[in-house]
Amino acid sequence: MQSERKWGGGTILVLVVLLGLLALATYVGIVGWQMGGEGGGGEAMSTTGYIAMAFGIIVTLALGMGLMGLMYYSSRHDQD
């Protein structure tokens, strides 16, 4: 017997809010990206800025992977 899932008002509301936040984040990202550089009136990012951004991305990914690894480790060794 296959159960049909019906979308309630709460599910639709959550989806609408999340899609709205995604659209807002996309808009802010595009506008913010266009403000920099020579064409937008701002200054281009320096090499130091790119190095700092790469370092932040690497540290954030390492932290996320480390925490996920600890979660799986504790789950497999019954230390939840």
N, C-alpha and C. Protein backbone atom coordinates (compact mmCIF):
# COMPACT_ATOMS: atom_id res chain seq x y z
N MET A 1 0.84 -1.18 0.00
CA MET A 1 0.00 0.00 0.00
C MET A 1 0.89 1.24 0.00
N GLN A 2 0.68 2.06 -0.97
CA GLN A 2 1.50 3.26 -1.11
C GLN A 2 0.75 4.45 -0.52
N SER A 3 1.42 5.14 0.39
CA SER A 3 0.77 6.29 1.02
C SER A 3 1.07 7.55 0.21
N GLU A 4 0.05 8.34 0.04
CA GLU A 4 0.22 9.62 -0.67
C GLU A 4 0.50 10.70 0.36
N ARG A 5 1.51 11.49 0.06
CA ARG A 5 1.82 12.62 0.94
C ARG A 5 1.23 13.88 0.34
N LYS A 6 0.45 14.54 1.13
CA LYS A 6 -0.15 15.80 0.68
C LYS A 6 0.60 16.94 1.34
N TRP A 7 0.83 17.95 0.56
CA TRP A 7 1.53 19.11 1.09
C TRP A 7 0.53 19.99 1.83
N GLY A 8 0.83 20.23 3.08
CA GLY A 8 -0.02 21.09 3.87
C GLY A 8 0.39 22.55 3.72
N GLY A 9 -0.36 23.41 4.38
CA GLY A 9 -0.07 24.83 4.31
C GLY A 9 1.28 25.19 4.91
N GLY A 10 1.67 24.48 5.98
CA GLY A 10 2.96 24.75 6.62
C GLY A 10 4.13 24.41 5.72
N THR A 11 4.03 23.29 5.01
CA THR A 11 5.11 22.88 4.10
C THR A 11 5.27 23.89 2.97
N ILE A 12 4.17 24.31 2.42
CA ILE A 12 4.22 25.28 1.33
C ILE A 12 4.78 26.61 1.82
N LEU A 13 4.38 27.02 3.02
CA LEU A 13 4.88 28.27 3.58
C LEU A 13 6.39 28.21 3.80
N VAL A 14 6.89 27.10 4.33
CA VAL A 14 8.33 26.94 4.54
C VAL A 14 9.07 26.99 3.20
N LEU A 15 8.55 26.32 2.19
CA LEU A 15 9.19 26.34 0.87
C LEU A 15 9.22 27.74 0.27
N VAL A 16 8.13 28.47 0.42
CA VAL A 16 8.08 29.84 -0.12
C VAL A 16 9.09 30.73 0.59
N VAL A 17 9.16 30.61 1.92
CA VAL A 17 10.11 31.43 2.68
C VAL A 17 11.54 31.08 2.30
N LEU A 18 11.86 29.79 2.19
CA LEU A 18 13.22 29.38 1.82
C LEU A 18 13.59 29.82 0.41
N LEU A 19 12.66 29.71 -0.52
CA LEU A 19 12.93 30.17 -1.89
C LEU A 19 13.10 31.69 -1.93
N GLY A 20 12.34 32.41 -1.11
CA GLY A 20 12.50 33.85 -1.02
C GLY A 20 13.86 34.24 -0.47
N LEU A 21 14.31 33.52 0.57
CA LEU A 21 15.64 33.79 1.12
C LEU A 21 16.74 33.46 0.12
N LEU A 22 16.56 32.39 -0.66
CA LEU A 22 17.53 32.05 -1.70
C LEU A 22 17.59 33.14 -2.76
N ALA A 23 16.43 33.65 -3.17
CA ALA A 23 16.39 34.72 -4.16
C ALA A 23 17.05 35.99 -3.61
N LEU A 24 16.79 36.31 -2.35
CA LEU A 24 17.39 37.49 -1.74
C LEU A 24 18.92 37.35 -1.64
N ALA A 25 19.39 36.18 -1.23
CA ALA A 25 20.83 35.95 -1.14
C ALA A 25 21.48 36.04 -2.51
N THR A 26 20.82 35.52 -3.53
CA THR A 26 21.35 35.60 -4.89
C THR A 26 21.43 37.04 -5.35
N TYR A 27 20.38 37.81 -5.10
CA TYR A 27 20.35 39.23 -5.48
C TYR A 27 21.47 40.01 -4.79
N VAL A 28 21.60 39.81 -3.48
CA VAL A 28 22.63 40.53 -2.72
C VAL A 28 24.02 40.13 -3.21
N GLY A 29 24.21 38.85 -3.52
CA GLY A 29 25.49 38.40 -4.03
C GLY A 29 25.84 39.02 -5.37
N ILE A 30 24.86 39.09 -6.26
CA ILE A 30 25.10 39.67 -7.58
C ILE A 30 25.38 41.17 -7.47
N VAL A 31 24.58 41.87 -6.69
CA VAL A 31 24.78 43.32 -6.53
C VAL A 31 26.12 43.59 -5.85
N GLY A 32 26.45 42.82 -4.83
CA GLY A 32 27.72 43.01 -4.13
C GLY A 32 28.90 42.72 -5.02
N TRP A 33 28.78 41.71 -5.86
CA TRP A 33 29.88 41.36 -6.77
C TRP A 33 30.10 42.46 -7.79
N GLN A 34 29.01 43.09 -8.26
CA GLN A 34 29.12 44.12 -9.28
C GLN A 34 29.61 45.45 -8.72
N MET A 35 29.57 45.62 -7.41
CA MET A 35 30.03 46.87 -6.82
C MET A 35 31.55 46.99 -6.84
N GLY A 36 32.25 45.88 -6.82
CA GLY A 36 33.70 45.91 -6.80
C GLY A 36 34.27 45.97 -8.21
N GLY A 37 35.57 46.06 -8.29
CA GLY A 37 36.24 46.08 -9.58
C GLY A 37 36.27 47.46 -10.18
N GLU A 38 36.97 47.58 -11.29
CA GLU A 38 37.12 48.89 -11.91
C GLU A 38 35.81 49.40 -12.52
N GLY A 39 34.99 48.49 -13.04
CA GLY A 39 33.76 48.92 -13.69
C GLY A 39 32.69 49.39 -12.73
N GLY A 40 32.70 48.91 -11.49
CA GLY A 40 31.66 49.24 -10.54
C GLY A 40 31.99 50.42 -9.65
N GLY A 41 33.11 51.05 -9.84
CA GLY A 41 33.45 52.20 -9.02
C GLY A 41 34.26 51.85 -7.79
N GLY A 42 34.34 50.59 -7.46
CA GLY A 42 35.13 50.19 -6.30
C GLY A 42 36.51 49.76 -6.71
N GLU A 43 37.24 49.23 -5.76
CA GLU A 43 38.59 48.75 -6.04
C GLU A 43 38.57 47.25 -6.19
N ALA A 44 39.45 46.72 -7.03
CA ALA A 44 39.56 45.28 -7.20
C ALA A 44 40.18 44.66 -5.96
N MET A 45 39.89 43.39 -5.72
CA MET A 45 40.43 42.71 -4.56
C MET A 45 41.93 42.48 -4.77
N SER A 46 42.69 42.71 -3.74
CA SER A 46 44.14 42.54 -3.83
C SER A 46 44.50 41.05 -3.71
N THR A 47 45.76 40.76 -3.95
CA THR A 47 46.23 39.39 -3.81
C THR A 47 46.09 38.91 -2.37
N THR A 48 46.33 39.80 -1.43
CA THR A 48 46.17 39.45 -0.02
C THR A 48 44.72 39.08 0.29
N GLY A 49 43.78 39.79 -0.33
CA GLY A 49 42.37 39.47 -0.14
C GLY A 49 42.02 38.10 -0.66
N TYR A 50 42.55 37.74 -1.83
CA TYR A 50 42.30 36.41 -2.38
C TYR A 50 42.92 35.33 -1.51
N ILE A 51 44.11 35.58 -0.97
CA ILE A 51 44.75 34.61 -0.09
C ILE A 51 43.93 34.43 1.19
N ALA A 52 43.45 35.53 1.76
CA ALA A 52 42.63 35.46 2.97
C ALA A 52 41.32 34.71 2.71
N MET A 53 40.71 34.96 1.54
CA MET A 53 39.47 34.29 1.20
C MET A 53 39.71 32.79 1.03
N ALA A 54 40.79 32.41 0.34
CA ALA A 54 41.11 30.99 0.15
C ALA A 54 41.39 30.32 1.49
N PHE A 55 42.13 31.00 2.38
CA PHE A 55 42.41 30.45 3.70
C PHE A 55 41.12 30.24 4.50
N GLY A 56 40.21 31.20 4.44
CA GLY A 56 38.94 31.06 5.14
C GLY A 56 38.11 29.91 4.61
N ILE A 57 38.10 29.72 3.29
CA ILE A 57 37.35 28.62 2.70
C ILE A 57 37.94 27.28 3.12
N ILE A 58 39.28 27.17 3.08
CA ILE A 58 39.94 25.92 3.44
C ILE A 58 39.70 25.59 4.92
N VAL A 59 39.81 26.57 5.80
CA VAL A 59 39.60 26.34 7.23
C VAL A 59 38.15 25.94 7.49
N THR A 60 37.20 26.58 6.83
CA THR A 60 35.80 26.26 7.03
C THR A 60 35.48 24.84 6.56
N LEU A 61 36.00 24.47 5.38
CA LEU A 61 35.78 23.11 4.89
C LEU A 61 36.43 22.07 5.80
N ALA A 62 37.64 22.34 6.29
CA ALA A 62 38.32 21.41 7.19
C ALA A 62 37.53 21.24 8.49
N LEU A 63 37.02 22.33 9.03
CA LEU A 63 36.22 22.26 10.25
C LEU A 63 34.96 21.44 10.03
N GLY A 64 34.27 21.70 8.92
CA GLY A 64 33.06 20.93 8.62
C GLY A 64 33.33 19.45 8.44
N MET A 65 34.40 19.12 7.71
CA MET A 65 34.74 17.70 7.51
C MET A 65 35.16 17.05 8.82
N GLY A 66 35.90 17.77 9.63
CA GLY A 66 36.31 17.22 10.92
C GLY A 66 35.13 16.94 11.83
N LEU A 67 34.20 17.86 11.90
CA LEU A 67 33.01 17.65 12.74
C LEU A 67 32.15 16.51 12.22
N MET A 68 32.01 16.41 10.91
CA MET A 68 31.24 15.29 10.34
C MET A 68 31.94 13.97 10.64
N GLY A 69 33.27 13.94 10.53
CA GLY A 69 34.02 12.74 10.85
C GLY A 69 33.84 12.33 12.30
N LEU A 70 33.88 13.30 13.21
CA LEU A 70 33.65 13.00 14.62
C LEU A 70 32.24 12.48 14.86
N MET A 71 31.28 13.01 14.14
CA MET A 71 29.90 12.54 14.29
C MET A 71 29.78 11.06 13.87
N TYR A 72 30.38 10.72 12.72
CA TYR A 72 30.32 9.33 12.26
C TYR A 72 31.12 8.41 13.20
N TYR A 73 32.25 8.89 13.67
CA TYR A 73 33.06 8.09 14.60
C TYR A 73 32.27 7.79 15.86
N SER A 74 31.66 8.81 16.45
CA SER A 74 30.92 8.58 17.70
C SER A 74 29.71 7.71 17.48
N SER A 75 29.10 7.80 16.29
CA SER A 75 27.94 6.97 15.99
C SER A 75 28.34 5.50 15.86
N ARG A 76 29.46 5.24 15.23
CA ARG A 76 29.91 3.85 15.03
C ARG A 76 30.42 3.21 16.31
N HIS A 77 30.87 4.00 17.25
CA HIS A 77 31.41 3.45 18.49
C HIS A 77 30.43 3.61 19.65
N ASP A 78 29.16 3.78 19.34
CA ASP A 78 28.07 3.87 20.33
C ASP A 78 28.37 4.85 21.45
N GLN A 79 28.81 6.05 21.07
CA GLN A 79 29.06 7.10 22.06
C GLN A 79 28.15 8.29 21.81
N ASP A 80 26.96 7.99 21.35
CA ASP A 80 26.00 9.07 21.06
C ASP A 80 25.39 9.59 22.33
